[in-house]
Amino acid sequence: SNLSHWKLVSLLTCFINALLKLDRPMILILDDLQWAEALAIELVLGEILESIEKQNNAHLFLFIGLYRDDEVSIYHPLFAKINCLHESSNINTTDIQLSAFSKNDLVNMISNELKLPKRLISELSDVVYKKSSDHIFFAVELLNSMVRGSTIYFSMSRRQFHWKLDRVYSLKTDETVATFIISTLSTLHPDALKALQILSCCGFHTDVAVLELLEESDISPCRGIRSSLQYLVDVGIVEIAGGLVAFAHDLIQQHVYENIDLFQRRDLHFNISLFLGLKSSMNSTSIQAIS
């Protein structure tokens, strides 16, 4: 409702202003703004920033917004709001454009990692660049999979890294990033894939405590979520930090989630919600009984 909206604006503004009164710099970073709804964009880039810039200590506040410009058209609400910020005389704005991952960047990276001159890794770089669709994250994952599969190996006789180009060319990866992800994930053990599907239903990141609860449920893989989790971390699909388990990249979560059968996805959501709801209810009853 409109009242709830303004209550949220007031609450967030008061909270930020209270922190700024400590006379310490504050940075607010929001990622993936291209996915934000119009109301959220207006809330953060509109009311809140405009309210903060009127404060005496507004110079201590820095907002960093990240988005993919190829997904923000002139009709996107973010596009219009950014133009408004540029035209504002009270808010200083700076645009920083990150260039795309180039083939030369990949050549330098492989050359540095394998400790080989660029002329020796030129053809390998060509194949990796093409198969990873010039995406740094997937280029790294492809190279790691080559090392794990001994396509790239250290030759004791030559005292340097070596690879078999016929095996590199025959790797079953299409030019699109989406197909590359799916083809990589399809090689996972069924238990690891099931754990990954459960994670994807919980969103981009999940609290470790939630996964420990789900470990006790019927939807947990035969070997449990915990045992699969370490493997997923080792192969670089997910990361654990600060009590959270997060996908290494949002595209991985997106494709895992969309690759689940629609009816299976619905059942997973229902069973996860039902189990956590029952757990929460049981804990509340136990607390009341003790008190």
C-alpha atoms as a PDB file:
ATOM      1  CA  SER A   1       0.000   0.000   0.000  1.00  0.00           C
ATOM      2  CA  ASN A   2       0.986   3.653  -0.370  1.00  0.00           C
ATOM      3  CA  LEU A   3       1.219   4.061   3.423  1.00  0.00           C
ATOM      4  CA  SER A   4       3.571   1.071   3.752  1.00  0.00           C
ATOM      5  CA  HIS A   5       5.720   2.489   0.941  1.00  0.00           C
ATOM      6  CA  TRP A   6       6.250   5.796   2.720  1.00  0.00           C
ATOM      7  CA  LYS A   7       6.849   4.044   6.029  1.00  0.00           C
ATOM      8  CA  LEU A   8       9.664   2.077   4.368  1.00  0.00           C
ATOM      9  CA  VAL A   9      11.108   5.249   2.834  1.00  0.00           C
ATOM     10  CA  SER A  10      11.053   6.955   6.225  1.00  0.00           C
ATOM     11  CA  LEU A  11      12.561   3.961   8.021  1.00  0.00           C
ATOM     12  CA  LEU A  12      15.451   3.481   5.580  1.00  0.00           C
ATOM     13  CA  THR A  13      16.175   7.202   5.417  1.00  0.00           C
ATOM     14  CA  CYS A  14      16.262   7.514   9.215  1.00  0.00           C
ATOM     15  CA  PHE A  15      18.498   4.450   9.468  1.00  0.00           C
ATOM     16  CA  ILE A  16      21.029   5.783   6.934  1.00  0.00           C
ATOM     17  CA  ASN A  17      20.967   9.268   8.467  1.00  0.00           C
ATOM     18  CA  ALA A  18      21.617   7.767  11.913  1.00  0.00           C
ATOM     19  CA  LEU A  19      24.711   6.017  10.561  1.00  0.00           C
ATOM     20  CA  LEU A  20      25.931   9.173   8.825  1.00  0.00           C
ATOM     21  CA  LYS A  21      25.660  11.112  12.098  1.00  0.00           C
ATOM     22  CA  LEU A  22      28.487   8.937  13.399  1.00  0.00           C
ATOM     23  CA  ASP A  23      30.659  11.023  11.055  1.00  0.00           C
ATOM     24  CA  ARG A  24      31.944   8.004   9.196  1.00  0.00           C
ATOM     25  CA  PRO A  25      31.839   7.294   5.455  1.00  0.00           C
ATOM     26  CA  MET A  26      29.081   4.938   4.314  1.00  0.00           C
ATOM     27  CA  ILE A  27      28.818   2.971   1.065  1.00  0.00           C
ATOM     28  CA  LEU A  28      25.610   1.350  -0.166  1.00  0.00           C
ATOM     29  CA  ILE A  29      26.086  -1.133  -3.030  1.00  0.00           C
ATOM     30  CA  LEU A  30      23.211  -2.681  -4.987  1.00  0.00           C
ATOM     31  CA  ASP A  31      23.913  -5.238  -7.712  1.00  0.00           C
ATOM     32  CA  ASP A  32      21.793  -6.453 -10.648  1.00  0.00           C
ATOM     33  CA  LEU A  33      19.645  -3.322 -10.804  1.00  0.00           C
ATOM     34  CA  GLN A  34      18.495  -4.409 -14.272  1.00  0.00           C
ATOM     35  CA  TRP A  35      16.213  -6.898 -12.494  1.00  0.00           C
ATOM     36  CA  ALA A  36      14.766  -4.409 -10.009  1.00  0.00           C
ATOM     37  CA  GLU A  37      11.104  -3.434 -10.226  1.00  0.00           C
ATOM     38  CA  ALA A  38      10.069   0.152 -10.934  1.00  0.00           C
ATOM     39  CA  LEU A  39       8.913   0.674  -7.329  1.00  0.00           C
ATOM     40  CA  ALA A  40      12.246  -0.503  -5.878  1.00  0.00           C
ATOM     41  CA  ILE A  41      14.188   1.733  -8.286  1.00  0.00           C
ATOM     42  CA  GLU A  42      12.077   4.737  -7.350  1.00  0.00           C
ATOM     43  CA  LEU A  43      12.472   3.895  -3.672  1.00  0.00           C
ATOM     44  CA  VAL A  44      16.269   3.744  -3.663  1.00  0.00           C
ATOM     45  CA  LEU A  45      17.307   6.030  -6.515  1.00  0.00           C
ATOM     46  CA  GLY A  46      14.436   8.416  -5.947  1.00  0.00           C
ATOM     47  CA  GLU A  47      13.107   9.129  -2.469  1.00  0.00           C
ATOM     48  CA  ILE A  48      16.024   7.826  -0.382  1.00  0.00           C
ATOM     49  CA  LEU A  49      18.881   9.434  -2.359  1.00  0.00           C
ATOM     50  CA  GLU A  50      16.978  12.699  -2.647  1.00  0.00           C
ATOM     51  CA  SER A  51      16.345  12.688   1.097  1.00  0.00           C
ATOM     52  CA  ILE A  52      19.989  11.972   1.957  1.00  0.00           C
ATOM     53  CA  GLU A  53      21.406  14.671  -0.320  1.00  0.00           C
ATOM     54  CA  LYS A  54      19.538  17.289   1.743  1.00  0.00           C
ATOM     55  CA  GLN A  55      21.441  16.301   4.894  1.00  0.00           C
ATOM     56  CA  ASN A  56      24.507  18.219   6.084  1.00  0.00           C
ATOM     57  CA  ASN A  57      26.680  15.088   6.064  1.00  0.00           C
ATOM     58  CA  ALA A  58      25.528  13.835   2.669  1.00  0.00           C
ATOM     59  CA  HIS A  59      29.140  14.042   1.442  1.00  0.00           C
ATOM     60  CA  LEU A  60      29.907  10.967   3.577  1.00  0.00           C
ATOM     61  CA  PHE A  61      27.473   8.813   1.623  1.00  0.00           C
ATOM     62  CA  LEU A  62      28.417   6.914  -1.550  1.00  0.00           C
ATOM     63  CA  PHE A  63      25.940   4.847  -3.540  1.00  0.00           C
ATOM     64  CA  ILE A  64      27.172   2.299  -6.095  1.00  0.00           C
ATOM     65  CA  GLY A  65      24.651   0.735  -8.445  1.00  0.00           C
ATOM     66  CA  LEU A  66      25.622  -2.124 -10.739  1.00  0.00           C
ATOM     67  CA  TYR A  67      23.675  -3.254 -13.778  1.00  0.00           C
ATOM     68  CA  ARG A  68      24.101  -4.862 -17.191  1.00  0.00           C
ATOM     69  CA  ASP A  69      23.640  -2.101 -19.745  1.00  0.00           C
ATOM     70  CA  ASP A  70      22.719  -4.580 -22.479  1.00  0.00           C
ATOM     71  CA  GLU A  71      19.611  -5.479 -20.451  1.00  0.00           C
ATOM     72  CA  VAL A  72      18.503  -1.888 -19.782  1.00  0.00           C
ATOM     73  CA  SER A  73      16.657  -0.386 -22.751  1.00  0.00           C
ATOM     74  CA  ILE A  74      15.350   3.180 -23.024  1.00  0.00           C
ATOM     75  CA  TYR A  75      12.004   1.835 -21.786  1.00  0.00           C
ATOM     76  CA  HIS A  76      13.475   0.368 -18.589  1.00  0.00           C
ATOM     77  CA  PRO A  77      12.610   2.397 -15.427  1.00  0.00           C
ATOM     78  CA  LEU A  78      16.292   2.356 -14.463  1.00  0.00           C
ATOM     79  CA  PHE A  79      17.235   4.191 -17.667  1.00  0.00           C
ATOM     80  CA  ALA A  80      14.929   7.113 -16.891  1.00  0.00           C
ATOM     81  CA  LYS A  81      16.010   7.310 -13.251  1.00  0.00           C
ATOM     82  CA  ILE A  82      19.722   7.379 -14.154  1.00  0.00           C
ATOM     83  CA  ASN A  83      19.059  10.275 -16.538  1.00  0.00           C
ATOM     84  CA  CYS A  84      17.279  12.120 -13.726  1.00  0.00           C
ATOM     85  CA  LEU A  85      20.285  11.650 -11.452  1.00  0.00           C
ATOM     86  CA  HIS A  86      22.599  12.985 -14.164  1.00  0.00           C
ATOM     87  CA  GLU A  87      20.449  16.082 -14.535  1.00  0.00           C
ATOM     88  CA  SER A  88      20.317  16.725 -10.781  1.00  0.00           C
ATOM     89  CA  SER A  89      22.422  19.661  -9.629  1.00  0.00           C
ATOM     90  CA  ASN A  90      22.654  18.325  -6.063  1.00  0.00           C
ATOM     91  CA  ILE A  91      23.854  14.765  -6.727  1.00  0.00           C
ATOM     92  CA  ASN A  92      27.265  14.052  -8.251  1.00  0.00           C
ATOM     93  CA  THR A  93      27.215  11.038 -10.550  1.00  0.00           C
ATOM     94  CA  THR A  94      29.976   9.087 -12.276  1.00  0.00           C
ATOM     95  CA  ASP A  95      29.535   6.414 -14.929  1.00  0.00           C
ATOM     96  CA  ILE A  96      32.089   3.600 -15.044  1.00  0.00           C
ATOM     97  CA  GLN A  97      31.802   1.264 -18.016  1.00  0.00           C
ATOM     98  CA  LEU A  98      33.619  -2.064 -17.828  1.00  0.00           C
ATOM     99  CA  SER A  99      34.757  -3.301 -21.196  1.00  0.00           C
ATOM    100  CA  ALA A 100      33.907  -6.811 -22.330  1.00  0.00           C
ATOM    101  CA  PHE A 101      36.309  -9.680 -21.719  1.00  0.00           C
ATOM    102  CA  SER A 102      38.622  -9.646 -24.742  1.00  0.00           C
ATOM    103  CA  LYS A 103      40.548 -12.428 -26.410  1.00  0.00           C
ATOM    104  CA  ASN A 104      43.803 -10.695 -25.507  1.00  0.00           C
ATOM    105  CA  ASP A 105      42.763 -10.732 -21.824  1.00  0.00           C
ATOM    106  CA  LEU A 106      42.280 -14.491 -22.044  1.00  0.00           C
ATOM    107  CA  VAL A 107      45.652 -14.989 -23.762  1.00  0.00           C
ATOM    108  CA  ASN A 108      47.388 -13.039 -20.987  1.00  0.00           C
ATOM    109  CA  MET A 109      45.556 -14.980 -18.278  1.00  0.00           C
ATOM    110  CA  ILE A 110      46.391 -18.422 -19.704  1.00  0.00           C
ATOM    111  CA  SER A 111      49.964 -17.393 -20.399  1.00  0.00           C
ATOM    112  CA  ASN A 112      50.421 -16.234 -16.789  1.00  0.00           C
ATOM    113  CA  GLU A 113      48.756 -19.294 -15.248  1.00  0.00           C
ATOM    114  CA  LEU A 114      50.569 -21.904 -17.358  1.00  0.00           C
ATOM    115  CA  LYS A 115      53.861 -19.955 -17.367  1.00  0.00           C
ATOM    116  CA  LEU A 116      54.136 -20.281 -21.135  1.00  0.00           C
ATOM    117  CA  PRO A 117      54.808 -17.734 -23.904  1.00  0.00           C
ATOM    118  CA  LYS A 118      51.759 -16.441 -25.770  1.00  0.00           C
ATOM    119  CA  ARG A 119      52.749 -18.058 -29.066  1.00  0.00           C
ATOM    120  CA  LEU A 120      52.425 -21.534 -27.507  1.00  0.00           C
ATOM    121  CA  ILE A 121      48.956 -21.008 -26.078  1.00  0.00           C
ATOM    122  CA  SER A 122      47.452 -19.101 -29.022  1.00  0.00           C
ATOM    123  CA  GLU A 123      45.406 -21.984 -30.441  1.00  0.00           C
ATOM    124  CA  LEU A 124      44.275 -23.141 -26.996  1.00  0.00           C
ATOM    125  CA  SER A 125      43.127 -19.585 -26.251  1.00  0.00           C
ATOM    126  CA  ASP A 126      41.154 -19.467 -29.498  1.00  0.00           C
ATOM    127  CA  VAL A 127      39.196 -22.601 -28.597  1.00  0.00           C
ATOM    128  CA  VAL A 128      38.538 -21.549 -24.984  1.00  0.00           C
ATOM    129  CA  TYR A 129      37.444 -18.073 -26.058  1.00  0.00           C
ATOM    130  CA  LYS A 130      34.989 -19.480 -28.573  1.00  0.00           C
ATOM    131  CA  LYS A 131      33.562 -22.177 -26.314  1.00  0.00           C
ATOM    132  CA  SER A 132      33.102 -19.814 -23.346  1.00  0.00           C
ATOM    133  CA  SER A 133      31.325 -17.181 -25.455  1.00  0.00           C
ATOM    134  CA  ASP A 134      33.877 -14.520 -24.376  1.00  0.00           C
ATOM    135  CA  HIS A 135      32.670 -14.740 -20.754  1.00  0.00           C
ATOM    136  CA  ILE A 136      35.476 -14.701 -18.156  1.00  0.00           C
ATOM    137  CA  PHE A 137      33.600 -16.810 -15.603  1.00  0.00           C
ATOM    138  CA  PHE A 138      32.908 -19.615 -18.044  1.00  0.00           C
ATOM    139  CA  ALA A 139      36.390 -19.409 -19.545  1.00  0.00           C
ATOM    140  CA  VAL A 140      37.822 -20.083 -16.081  1.00  0.00           C
ATOM    141  CA  GLU A 141      35.343 -22.922 -15.489  1.00  0.00           C
ATOM    142  CA  LEU A 142      36.187 -24.479 -18.862  1.00  0.00           C
ATOM    143  CA  LEU A 143      39.924 -24.325 -18.139  1.00  0.00           C
ATOM    144  CA  ASN A 144      39.367 -25.847 -14.678  1.00  0.00           C
ATOM    145  CA  SER A 145      37.348 -28.698 -16.202  1.00  0.00           C
ATOM    146  CA  MET A 146      40.206 -29.340 -18.669  1.00  0.00           C
ATOM    147  CA  VAL A 147      42.665 -29.602 -15.786  1.00  0.00           C
ATOM    148  CA  ARG A 148      40.353 -31.877 -13.785  1.00  0.00           C
ATOM    149  CA  GLY A 149      39.844 -34.093 -16.818  1.00  0.00           C
ATOM    150  CA  SER A 150      43.604 -34.124 -17.612  1.00  0.00           C
ATOM    151  CA  THR A 151      43.023 -32.474 -20.989  1.00  0.00           C
ATOM    152  CA  ILE A 152      45.590 -29.972 -19.711  1.00  0.00           C
ATOM    153  CA  TYR A 153      48.337 -31.653 -17.713  1.00  0.00           C
ATOM    154  CA  PHE A 154      51.903 -31.102 -16.561  1.00  0.00           C
ATOM    155  CA  SER A 155      54.386 -33.053 -18.673  1.00  0.00           C
ATOM    156  CA  MET A 156      57.359 -34.194 -16.591  1.00  0.00           C
ATOM    157  CA  SER A 157      59.438 -34.923 -19.703  1.00  0.00           C
ATOM    158  CA  ARG A 158      58.864 -31.445 -21.171  1.00  0.00           C
ATOM    159  CA  ARG A 159      58.803 -29.745 -17.760  1.00  0.00           C
ATOM    160  CA  GLN A 160      55.803 -27.643 -18.746  1.00  0.00           C
ATOM    161  CA  PHE A 161      52.045 -27.798 -19.144  1.00  0.00           C
ATOM    162  CA  HIS A 162      50.793 -29.602 -22.215  1.00  0.00           C
ATOM    163  CA  TRP A 163      47.412 -30.391 -23.810  1.00  0.00           C
ATOM    164  CA  LYS A 164      45.971 -32.432 -26.633  1.00  0.00           C
ATOM    165  CA  LEU A 165      44.247 -30.119 -29.082  1.00  0.00           C
ATOM    166  CA  ASP A 166      42.056 -32.873 -30.508  1.00  0.00           C
ATOM    167  CA  ARG A 167      40.550 -33.384 -27.042  1.00  0.00           C
ATOM    168  CA  VAL A 168      40.156 -29.626 -26.572  1.00  0.00           C
ATOM    169  CA  TYR A 169      38.278 -29.303 -29.864  1.00  0.00           C
ATOM    170  CA  SER A 170      36.096 -32.336 -29.100  1.00  0.00           C
ATOM    171  CA  LEU A 171      34.837 -30.969 -25.765  1.00  0.00           C
ATOM    172  CA  LYS A 172      31.048 -31.019 -25.881  1.00  0.00           C
ATOM    173  CA  THR A 173      30.369 -27.337 -25.265  1.00  0.00           C
ATOM    174  CA  ASP A 174      28.294 -25.114 -27.510  1.00  0.00           C
ATOM    175  CA  GLU A 175      29.034 -21.470 -28.187  1.00  0.00           C
ATOM    176  CA  THR A 176      26.265 -20.205 -25.929  1.00  0.00           C
ATOM    177  CA  VAL A 177      26.882 -19.735 -22.223  1.00  0.00           C
ATOM    178  CA  ALA A 178      23.551 -21.304 -21.292  1.00  0.00           C
ATOM    179  CA  THR A 179      24.308 -24.565 -23.117  1.00  0.00           C
ATOM    180  CA  PHE A 180      27.778 -24.604 -21.609  1.00  0.00           C
ATOM    181  CA  ILE A 181      26.351 -24.416 -18.077  1.00  0.00           C
ATOM    182  CA  ILE A 182      23.739 -27.096 -18.665  1.00  0.00           C
ATOM    183  CA  SER A 183      26.228 -29.477 -20.293  1.00  0.00           C
ATOM    184  CA  THR A 184      28.606 -29.036 -17.352  1.00  0.00           C
ATOM    185  CA  LEU A 185      25.951 -29.541 -14.682  1.00  0.00           C
ATOM    186  CA  SER A 186      24.575 -32.644 -16.412  1.00  0.00           C
ATOM    187  CA  THR A 187      27.769 -34.512 -15.459  1.00  0.00           C
ATOM    188  CA  LEU A 188      27.104 -34.057 -11.744  1.00  0.00           C
ATOM    189  CA  HIS A 189      26.292 -36.983  -9.480  1.00  0.00           C
ATOM    190  CA  PRO A 190      22.485 -37.260  -9.031  1.00  0.00           C
ATOM    191  CA  ASP A 191      22.796 -36.383  -5.324  1.00  0.00           C
ATOM    192  CA  ALA A 192      24.855 -33.284  -6.093  1.00  0.00           C
ATOM    193  CA  LEU A 193      22.383 -32.230  -8.769  1.00  0.00           C
ATOM    194  CA  LYS A 194      19.459 -32.732  -6.368  1.00  0.00           C
ATOM    195  CA  ALA A 195      21.212 -30.589  -3.741  1.00  0.00           C
ATOM    196  CA  LEU A 196      21.822 -27.949  -6.389  1.00  0.00           C
ATOM    197  CA  GLN A 197      18.147 -27.972  -7.377  1.00  0.00           C
ATOM    198  CA  ILE A 198      17.111 -27.481  -3.748  1.00  0.00           C
ATOM    199  CA  LEU A 199      19.547 -24.565  -3.470  1.00  0.00           C
ATOM    200  CA  SER A 200      18.183 -22.972  -6.634  1.00  0.00           C
ATOM    201  CA  CYS A 201      14.628 -23.117  -5.248  1.00  0.00           C
ATOM    202  CA  CYS A 202      15.843 -21.114  -2.240  1.00  0.00           C
ATOM    203  CA  GLY A 203      17.214 -18.327  -4.450  1.00  0.00           C
ATOM    204  CA  PHE A 204      20.691 -17.037  -5.262  1.00  0.00           C
ATOM    205  CA  HIS A 205      21.946 -17.588  -1.716  1.00  0.00           C
ATOM    206  CA  THR A 206      20.724 -19.566   1.286  1.00  0.00           C
ATOM    207  CA  ASP A 207      21.525 -19.544   4.978  1.00  0.00           C
ATOM    208  CA  VAL A 208      23.610 -22.553   6.069  1.00  0.00           C
ATOM    209  CA  ALA A 209      21.226 -23.033   9.002  1.00  0.00           C
ATOM    210  CA  VAL A 210      18.315 -23.509   6.571  1.00  0.00           C
ATOM    211  CA  LEU A 211      20.221 -26.221   4.707  1.00  0.00           C
ATOM    212  CA  GLU A 212      21.031 -27.952   7.985  1.00  0.00           C
ATOM    213  CA  LEU A 213      17.298 -28.076   8.713  1.00  0.00           C
ATOM    214  CA  LEU A 214      16.518 -29.412   5.237  1.00  0.00           C
ATOM    215  CA  GLU A 215      19.149 -32.110   5.831  1.00  0.00           C
ATOM    216  CA  GLU A 216      16.567 -33.811   8.060  1.00  0.00           C
ATOM    217  CA  SER A 217      13.775 -33.705   5.458  1.00  0.00           C
ATOM    218  CA  ASP A 218      12.631 -36.320   2.942  1.00  0.00           C
ATOM    219  CA  ILE A 219      13.585 -34.073   0.018  1.00  0.00           C
ATOM    220  CA  SER A 220      17.264 -34.250   0.982  1.00  0.00           C
ATOM    221  CA  PRO A 221      19.435 -36.405  -1.375  1.00  0.00           C
ATOM    222  CA  CYS A 222      20.329 -39.939  -0.266  1.00  0.00           C
ATOM    223  CA  ARG A 223      23.823 -38.842   0.755  1.00  0.00           C
ATOM    224  CA  GLY A 224      22.501 -35.638   2.294  1.00  0.00           C
ATOM    225  CA  ILE A 225      22.949 -32.024   1.282  1.00  0.00           C
ATOM    226  CA  ARG A 226      26.066 -31.485   3.386  1.00  0.00           C
ATOM    227  CA  SER A 227      28.177 -34.132   1.633  1.00  0.00           C
ATOM    228  CA  SER A 228      27.221 -32.797  -1.801  1.00  0.00           C
ATOM    229  CA  LEU A 229      27.792 -29.207  -0.733  1.00  0.00           C
ATOM    230  CA  GLN A 230      31.546 -29.614  -0.259  1.00  0.00           C
ATOM    231  CA  TYR A 231      31.867 -31.142  -3.716  1.00  0.00           C
ATOM    232  CA  LEU A 232      29.910 -28.251  -5.264  1.00  0.00           C
ATOM    233  CA  VAL A 233      32.271 -25.831  -3.497  1.00  0.00           C
ATOM    234  CA  ASP A 234      35.347 -27.716  -4.690  1.00  0.00           C
ATOM    235  CA  VAL A 235      34.271 -27.573  -8.341  1.00  0.00           C
ATOM    236  CA  GLY A 236      33.445 -23.869  -8.090  1.00  0.00           C
ATOM    237  CA  ILE A 237      29.665 -24.042  -8.534  1.00  0.00           C
ATOM    238  CA  VAL A 238      28.802 -22.586  -5.110  1.00  0.00           C
ATOM    239  CA  GLU A 239      30.651 -20.638  -2.439  1.00  0.00           C
ATOM    240  CA  ILE A 240      30.313 -20.537   1.370  1.00  0.00           C
ATOM    241  CA  ALA A 241      30.999 -17.304   3.240  1.00  0.00           C
ATOM    242  CA  GLY A 242      29.561 -15.579   6.286  1.00  0.00           C
ATOM    243  CA  GLY A 243      27.097 -18.343   7.060  1.00  0.00           C
ATOM    244  CA  LEU A 244      25.636 -18.227   3.555  1.00  0.00           C
ATOM    245  CA  VAL A 245      25.811 -20.643   0.646  1.00  0.00           C
ATOM    246  CA  ALA A 246      25.684 -18.768  -2.659  1.00  0.00           C
ATOM    247  CA  PHE A 247      25.931 -19.700  -6.306  1.00  0.00           C
ATOM    248  CA  ALA A 248      29.225 -18.623  -7.859  1.00  0.00           C
ATOM    249  CA  HIS A 249      27.233 -16.755 -10.524  1.00  0.00           C
ATOM    250  CA  ASP A 250      23.569 -15.847 -10.853  1.00  0.00           C
ATOM    251  CA  LEU A 251      23.414 -17.470 -14.310  1.00  0.00           C
ATOM    252  CA  ILE A 252      24.125 -20.851 -12.715  1.00  0.00           C
ATOM    253  CA  GLN A 253      21.201 -20.481 -10.317  1.00  0.00           C
ATOM    254  CA  GLN A 254      18.949 -19.313 -13.123  1.00  0.00           C
ATOM    255  CA  HIS A 255      19.711 -22.244 -15.411  1.00  0.00           C
ATOM    256  CA  VAL A 256      19.581 -24.889 -12.685  1.00  0.00           C
ATOM    257  CA  TYR A 257      16.177 -23.569 -11.609  1.00  0.00           C
ATOM    258  CA  GLU A 258      14.765 -23.317 -15.126  1.00  0.00           C
ATOM    259  CA  ASN A 259      16.036 -26.785 -15.994  1.00  0.00           C
ATOM    260  CA  ILE A 260      13.903 -28.410 -13.261  1.00  0.00           C
ATOM    261  CA  ASP A 261      10.683 -29.984 -14.521  1.00  0.00           C
ATOM    262  CA  LEU A 262       7.779 -27.623 -13.824  1.00  0.00           C
ATOM    263  CA  PHE A 263       5.850 -30.117 -11.680  1.00  0.00           C
ATOM    264  CA  GLN A 264       9.007 -31.178  -9.814  1.00  0.00           C
ATOM    265  CA  ARG A 265       9.832 -27.518  -9.179  1.00  0.00           C
ATOM    266  CA  ARG A 266       6.341 -26.929  -7.774  1.00  0.00           C
ATOM    267  CA  ASP A 267       6.674 -29.973  -5.479  1.00  0.00           C
ATOM    268  CA  LEU A 268      10.112 -28.847  -4.278  1.00  0.00           C
ATOM    269  CA  HIS A 269       8.811 -25.389  -3.365  1.00  0.00           C
ATOM    270  CA  PHE A 270       5.815 -26.886  -1.585  1.00  0.00           C
ATOM    271  CA  ASN A 271       7.824 -29.495   0.356  1.00  0.00           C
ATOM    272  CA  ILE A 272      10.559 -27.023   1.344  1.00  0.00           C
ATOM    273  CA  SER A 273       7.994 -24.493   2.575  1.00  0.00           C
ATOM    274  CA  LEU A 274       5.934 -27.152   4.383  1.00  0.00           C
ATOM    275  CA  PHE A 275       8.951 -28.654   6.154  1.00  0.00           C
ATOM    276  CA  LEU A 276      10.394 -25.292   7.241  1.00  0.00           C
ATOM    277  CA  GLY A 277       6.950 -24.122   8.317  1.00  0.00           C
ATOM    278  CA  LEU A 278       6.442 -27.210  10.494  1.00  0.00           C
ATOM    279  CA  LYS A 279       9.935 -26.826  11.955  1.00  0.00           C
ATOM    280  CA  SER A 280       9.271 -23.188  12.777  1.00  0.00           C
ATOM    281  CA  SER A 281       5.938 -24.096  14.384  1.00  0.00           C
ATOM    282  CA  MET A 282       7.517 -26.866  16.477  1.00  0.00           C
ATOM    283  CA  ASN A 283      10.295 -24.544  17.679  1.00  0.00           C
ATOM    284  CA  SER A 284       7.770 -21.880  18.685  1.00  0.00           C
ATOM    285  CA  THR A 285       5.739 -24.489  20.629  1.00  0.00           C
ATOM    286  CA  SER A 286       8.881 -25.714  22.404  1.00  0.00           C
ATOM    287  CA  ILE A 287       9.857 -22.178  23.407  1.00  0.00           C
ATOM    288  CA  GLN A 288       6.383 -21.486  24.803  1.00  0.00           C
ATOM    289  CA  ALA A 289       6.397 -24.781  26.713  1.00  0.00           C
ATOM    290  CA  ILE A 290       9.764 -23.982  28.313  1.00  0.00           C
ATOM    291  CA  SER A 291       8.688 -20.475  29.261  1.00  0.00           C
END
